[in-house]
Amino acid sequence: MAFLRYTLLRVLVFAVVAALLWILGFRGVWMLLIAVLLSGVVSLFVLTKSRDAASTSLANRVSEVKRRMAERTAAEDAWNDEHRT
């Protein structure tokens, strides 16, 4: 959920920056390129808490997947040892 929230906030920041550039008279590919760059810089400072939450959430998910893989590997090894003669 934190990753989705961060992604939606990034899209919102991009849309606001693009709209401001549109109002200032930028158009086309240059507007998009400048909006990507500026929204990245703005997001770096404004979305720190959301980015940290998304990072923590993703790290926890990866740890859980690794833990389950290790459990399954151990169970497979135990089964293999038990049935091998």
C-alpha atoms as a PDB file:
ATOM      1  CA  MET A   1       0.000   0.000   0.000  1.00  0.00           C
ATOM      2  CA  ALA A   2       2.870   2.382   0.801  1.00  0.00           C
ATOM      3  CA  PHE A   3       4.439   1.740  -2.604  1.00  0.00           C
ATOM      4  CA  LEU A   4       1.136   2.497  -4.355  1.00  0.00           C
ATOM      5  CA  ARG A   5       0.738   5.694  -2.327  1.00  0.00           C
ATOM      6  CA  TYR A   6       4.258   6.840  -3.215  1.00  0.00           C
ATOM      7  CA  THR A   7       3.700   6.074  -6.900  1.00  0.00           C
ATOM      8  CA  LEU A   8       0.436   8.015  -6.964  1.00  0.00           C
ATOM      9  CA  LEU A   9       2.073  10.977  -5.225  1.00  0.00           C
ATOM     10  CA  ARG A  10       4.909  10.929  -7.784  1.00  0.00           C
ATOM     11  CA  VAL A  11       2.365  10.989 -10.621  1.00  0.00           C
ATOM     12  CA  LEU A  12       0.534  13.845  -8.906  1.00  0.00           C
ATOM     13  CA  VAL A  13       3.750  15.866  -8.519  1.00  0.00           C
ATOM     14  CA  PHE A  14       4.538  15.267 -12.199  1.00  0.00           C
ATOM     15  CA  ALA A  15       1.042  16.371 -13.239  1.00  0.00           C
ATOM     16  CA  VAL A  16       1.241  19.557 -11.172  1.00  0.00           C
ATOM     17  CA  VAL A  17       4.684  20.441 -12.545  1.00  0.00           C
ATOM     18  CA  ALA A  18       3.540  19.699 -16.110  1.00  0.00           C
ATOM     19  CA  ALA A  19       0.444  21.861 -15.618  1.00  0.00           C
ATOM     20  CA  LEU A  20       2.554  24.731 -14.310  1.00  0.00           C
ATOM     21  CA  LEU A  21       4.896  24.441 -17.276  1.00  0.00           C
ATOM     22  CA  TRP A  22       1.903  24.393 -19.625  1.00  0.00           C
ATOM     23  CA  ILE A  23       0.627  27.590 -18.029  1.00  0.00           C
ATOM     24  CA  LEU A  24       4.079  29.143 -18.469  1.00  0.00           C
ATOM     25  CA  GLY A  25       3.939  28.368 -22.184  1.00  0.00           C
ATOM     26  CA  PHE A  26       6.041  25.234 -22.533  1.00  0.00           C
ATOM     27  CA  ARG A  27       4.680  22.691 -25.009  1.00  0.00           C
ATOM     28  CA  GLY A  28       5.524  19.317 -26.484  1.00  0.00           C
ATOM     29  CA  VAL A  29       8.472  17.083 -25.743  1.00  0.00           C
ATOM     30  CA  TRP A  30      10.453  19.829 -23.991  1.00  0.00           C
ATOM     31  CA  MET A  31       7.641  20.349 -21.509  1.00  0.00           C
ATOM     32  CA  LEU A  32       7.592  16.624 -20.732  1.00  0.00           C
ATOM     33  CA  LEU A  33      11.366  16.415 -20.327  1.00  0.00           C
ATOM     34  CA  ILE A  34      11.526  19.450 -18.066  1.00  0.00           C
ATOM     35  CA  ALA A  35       8.510  18.195 -16.085  1.00  0.00           C
ATOM     36  CA  VAL A  36      10.187  14.817 -15.524  1.00  0.00           C
ATOM     37  CA  LEU A  37      13.379  16.475 -14.292  1.00  0.00           C
ATOM     38  CA  LEU A  38      11.685  19.064 -12.093  1.00  0.00           C
ATOM     39  CA  SER A  39       9.176  16.629 -10.620  1.00  0.00           C
ATOM     40  CA  GLY A  40      12.043  14.281  -9.765  1.00  0.00           C
ATOM     41  CA  VAL A  41      13.830  17.034  -7.868  1.00  0.00           C
ATOM     42  CA  VAL A  42      10.639  18.151  -6.117  1.00  0.00           C
ATOM     43  CA  SER A  43       9.788  14.550  -5.183  1.00  0.00           C
ATOM     44  CA  LEU A  44      13.265  14.055  -3.765  1.00  0.00           C
ATOM     45  CA  PHE A  45      12.563  16.677  -1.101  1.00  0.00           C
ATOM     46  CA  VAL A  46       8.773  16.605  -0.709  1.00  0.00           C
ATOM     47  CA  LEU A  47       8.111  12.859  -0.679  1.00  0.00           C
ATOM     48  CA  THR A  48      10.859  11.754   1.701  1.00  0.00           C
ATOM     49  CA  LYS A  49       8.516  10.157   4.261  1.00  0.00           C
ATOM     50  CA  SER A  50       6.463   8.375   1.607  1.00  0.00           C
ATOM     51  CA  ARG A  51       9.600   7.108  -0.122  1.00  0.00           C
ATOM     52  CA  ASP A  52      10.991   5.804   3.173  1.00  0.00           C
ATOM     53  CA  ALA A  53       7.709   4.037   3.935  1.00  0.00           C
ATOM     54  CA  ALA A  54       7.641   2.474   0.465  1.00  0.00           C
ATOM     55  CA  SER A  55      11.254   1.368   0.820  1.00  0.00           C
ATOM     56  CA  THR A  56      10.590  -0.196   4.221  1.00  0.00           C
ATOM     57  CA  SER A  57       7.502  -1.955   2.911  1.00  0.00           C
ATOM     58  CA  LEU A  58       9.393  -3.349  -0.066  1.00  0.00           C
ATOM     59  CA  ALA A  59      12.323  -4.474   2.105  1.00  0.00           C
ATOM     60  CA  ASN A  60       9.926  -6.265   4.471  1.00  0.00           C
ATOM     61  CA  ARG A  61       8.252  -8.003   1.547  1.00  0.00           C
ATOM     62  CA  VAL A  62      11.609  -9.161   0.147  1.00  0.00           C
ATOM     63  CA  SER A  63      12.655 -10.447   3.583  1.00  0.00           C
ATOM     64  CA  GLU A  64       9.402 -12.402   3.890  1.00  0.00           C
ATOM     65  CA  VAL A  65       9.852 -13.975   0.450  1.00  0.00           C
ATOM     66  CA  LYS A  66      13.449 -14.931   1.288  1.00  0.00           C
ATOM     67  CA  ARG A  67      12.335 -16.448   4.595  1.00  0.00           C
ATOM     68  CA  ARG A  68       9.646 -18.550   2.896  1.00  0.00           C
ATOM     69  CA  MET A  69      12.106 -19.683   0.220  1.00  0.00           C
ATOM     70  CA  ALA A  70      14.579 -20.750   2.905  1.00  0.00           C
ATOM     71  CA  GLU A  71      11.843 -22.696   4.726  1.00  0.00           C
ATOM     72  CA  ARG A  72      10.806 -24.470   1.541  1.00  0.00           C
ATOM     73  CA  THR A  73      14.418 -25.261   0.672  1.00  0.00           C
ATOM     74  CA  ALA A  74      14.987 -26.701   4.149  1.00  0.00           C
ATOM     75  CA  ALA A  75      11.794 -28.780   3.882  1.00  0.00           C
ATOM     76  CA  GLU A  76      12.824 -30.044   0.447  1.00  0.00           C
ATOM     77  CA  ASP A  77      16.298 -30.925   1.724  1.00  0.00           C
ATOM     78  CA  ALA A  78      14.810 -32.758   4.704  1.00  0.00           C
ATOM     79  CA  TRP A  79      12.414 -34.682   2.466  1.00  0.00           C
ATOM     80  CA  ASN A  80      15.264 -35.502   0.069  1.00  0.00           C
ATOM     81  CA  ASP A  81      17.494 -36.725   2.911  1.00  0.00           C
ATOM     82  CA  GLU A  82      14.662 -38.834   4.316  1.00  0.00           C
ATOM     83  CA  HIS A  83      13.810 -40.560   1.028  1.00  0.00           C
ATOM     84  CA  ARG A  84      17.321 -41.004  -0.300  1.00  0.00           C
ATOM     85  CA  THR A  85      18.931 -44.372   0.497  1.00  0.00           C
END
